[in-house]
Amino acid sequence: MNKKVNIKEVSVDELIDAIRKLKSEKPEKKQWIHWLSEYDEPSYYNRLAGMNRSAEWAYNHLANPEMLLWLIEAAGIKKELVELAKSDCKQITNPNRQSGVIRKHVSWAMLERALWRHA
């Protein structure tokens, strides 16, 4: 008999807290916190309000390669993987595609484990 395992999705607020705990103080940290703090509001990005999206959703829909690269590096993803993501990203000019390439190397599941490894 297969048991369904209920895995709690990480909320945007929990992701904000995890990012605040990261030691790096580069501008991308503030960008992440600002971008996520308005995630459930229309804000500058003309989002649909009240959707209550998860942190995974936010990570998978960000089209800012610099922010993604900062986060995976600050979270402690293996340097070789970060460098590979950076290298492949540089081969593309479209930010949406660059972000997709980064996420192919570092999935949400990998990032989630890295962010909460020491929590």
Protein backbone atom coordinates (compact mmCIF):
# COMPACT_ATOMS: atom_id res chain seq x y z
CA MET A 1 0.00 0.00 0.00
CA ASN A 2 1.39 3.39 -0.98
CA LYS A 3 1.22 6.05 1.67
CA LYS A 4 0.93 9.62 0.53
CA VAL A 5 3.56 11.69 2.23
CA ASN A 6 2.54 15.26 2.92
CA ILE A 7 5.55 17.46 2.40
CA LYS A 8 5.11 21.01 3.60
CA GLU A 9 5.87 23.56 0.94
CA VAL A 10 8.25 26.31 1.94
CA SER A 11 6.47 29.65 2.08
CA VAL A 12 7.81 32.88 0.65
CA ASP A 13 8.11 34.22 4.21
CA GLU A 14 10.25 31.23 5.18
CA LEU A 15 12.47 31.84 2.15
CA ILE A 16 12.85 35.49 3.18
CA ASP A 17 13.92 34.36 6.66
CA ALA A 18 16.44 31.91 5.18
CA ILE A 19 17.88 34.61 2.92
CA ARG A 20 18.17 37.03 5.84
CA LYS A 21 20.31 34.44 7.64
CA LEU A 22 22.79 34.14 4.77
CA LYS A 23 26.15 35.70 5.62
CA SER A 24 26.66 37.45 2.29
CA GLU A 25 25.71 41.12 2.30
CA LYS A 26 25.81 41.81 -1.42
CA PRO A 27 23.07 43.97 -3.03
CA GLU A 28 21.34 40.84 -4.37
CA LYS A 29 20.38 39.91 -0.81
CA LYS A 30 18.36 43.10 -0.44
CA GLN A 31 16.93 42.58 -3.93
CA TRP A 32 15.70 39.11 -3.00
CA ILE A 33 14.13 40.30 0.25
CA HIS A 34 12.43 43.24 -1.46
CA TRP A 35 11.23 41.16 -4.42
CA LEU A 36 9.83 38.45 -2.16
CA SER A 37 8.30 40.81 0.40
CA GLU A 38 5.87 42.02 -2.26
CA TYR A 39 5.33 38.59 -3.79
CA ASP A 40 1.65 38.29 -2.96
CA GLU A 41 0.84 41.82 -4.13
CA PRO A 42 0.50 43.35 -7.60
CA SER A 43 3.55 45.62 -6.93
CA TYR A 44 5.89 46.82 -9.64
CA TYR A 45 5.82 43.42 -11.34
CA ASN A 46 2.04 43.46 -11.95
CA ARG A 47 1.52 40.12 -10.19
CA LEU A 48 -1.83 38.60 -9.37
CA ALA A 49 -2.55 39.40 -5.72
CA GLY A 50 -3.69 36.79 -3.23
CA MET A 51 -2.27 33.76 -5.06
CA ASN A 52 -0.25 32.63 -2.01
CA ARG A 53 2.53 31.14 -4.11
CA SER A 54 5.24 28.97 -2.57
CA ALA A 55 8.95 29.73 -2.35
CA GLU A 56 9.52 27.08 -5.00
CA TRP A 57 7.15 28.90 -7.34
CA ALA A 58 9.01 32.17 -6.75
CA TYR A 59 12.42 30.57 -7.36
CA ASN A 60 11.21 28.90 -10.54
CA HIS A 61 9.68 32.10 -11.94
CA LEU A 62 12.42 34.64 -11.28
CA ALA A 63 14.00 35.93 -14.49
CA ASN A 64 17.05 37.56 -12.95
CA PRO A 65 20.20 35.49 -13.42
CA GLU A 66 22.32 37.68 -11.13
CA MET A 67 19.93 37.17 -8.22
CA LEU A 68 19.73 33.42 -8.86
CA LEU A 69 23.50 33.05 -9.08
CA TRP A 70 23.99 35.04 -5.88
CA LEU A 71 21.45 32.91 -4.02
CA ILE A 72 22.82 29.54 -5.06
CA GLU A 73 26.35 30.66 -4.22
CA ALA A 74 25.40 32.24 -0.87
CA ALA A 75 23.39 29.12 0.04
CA GLY A 76 26.53 27.01 -0.27
CA ILE A 77 25.85 25.09 -3.45
CA LYS A 78 29.05 23.36 -4.61
CA LYS A 79 31.40 25.82 -6.31
CA GLU A 80 31.80 23.57 -9.36
CA LEU A 81 28.06 23.59 -9.93
CA VAL A 82 27.82 27.36 -9.46
CA GLU A 83 30.67 27.88 -11.93
CA LEU A 84 29.03 25.56 -14.45
CA ALA A 85 25.74 27.48 -14.11
CA LYS A 86 27.60 30.79 -14.57
CA SER A 87 29.48 29.51 -17.59
CA ASP A 88 26.40 28.13 -19.33
CA CYS A 89 24.46 31.27 -18.47
CA LYS A 90 27.04 33.45 -20.24
CA GLN A 91 26.38 31.58 -23.50
CA ILE A 92 22.86 33.05 -23.64
CA THR A 93 21.69 36.68 -23.78
CA ASN A 94 18.00 36.32 -22.86
CA PRO A 95 17.51 36.70 -19.05
CA ASN A 96 14.57 34.26 -19.00
CA ARG A 97 16.62 31.57 -20.69
CA GLN A 98 19.68 32.36 -18.58
CA SER A 99 17.57 31.84 -15.47
CA GLY A 100 16.25 28.57 -16.85
CA VAL A 101 19.78 27.34 -17.48
CA ILE A 102 20.76 28.17 -13.91
CA ARG A 103 17.76 26.25 -12.58
CA LYS A 104 18.67 23.24 -14.75
CA HIS A 105 21.92 23.07 -12.82
CA VAL A 106 20.45 23.96 -9.41
CA SER A 107 16.86 22.87 -8.90
CA TRP A 108 14.65 24.16 -6.11
CA ALA A 109 15.11 20.86 -4.25
CA MET A 110 18.90 21.33 -4.28
CA LEU A 111 18.63 24.94 -3.15
CA GLU A 112 16.11 24.08 -0.45
CA ARG A 113 18.45 21.43 1.02
CA ALA A 114 21.35 23.88 0.95
CA LEU A 115 19.40 26.73 2.57
CA TRP A 116 18.10 24.61 5.44
CA ARG A 117 21.11 22.34 5.88
CA HIS A 118 22.20 24.16 9.01
CA ALA A 119 18.80 25.37 10.19
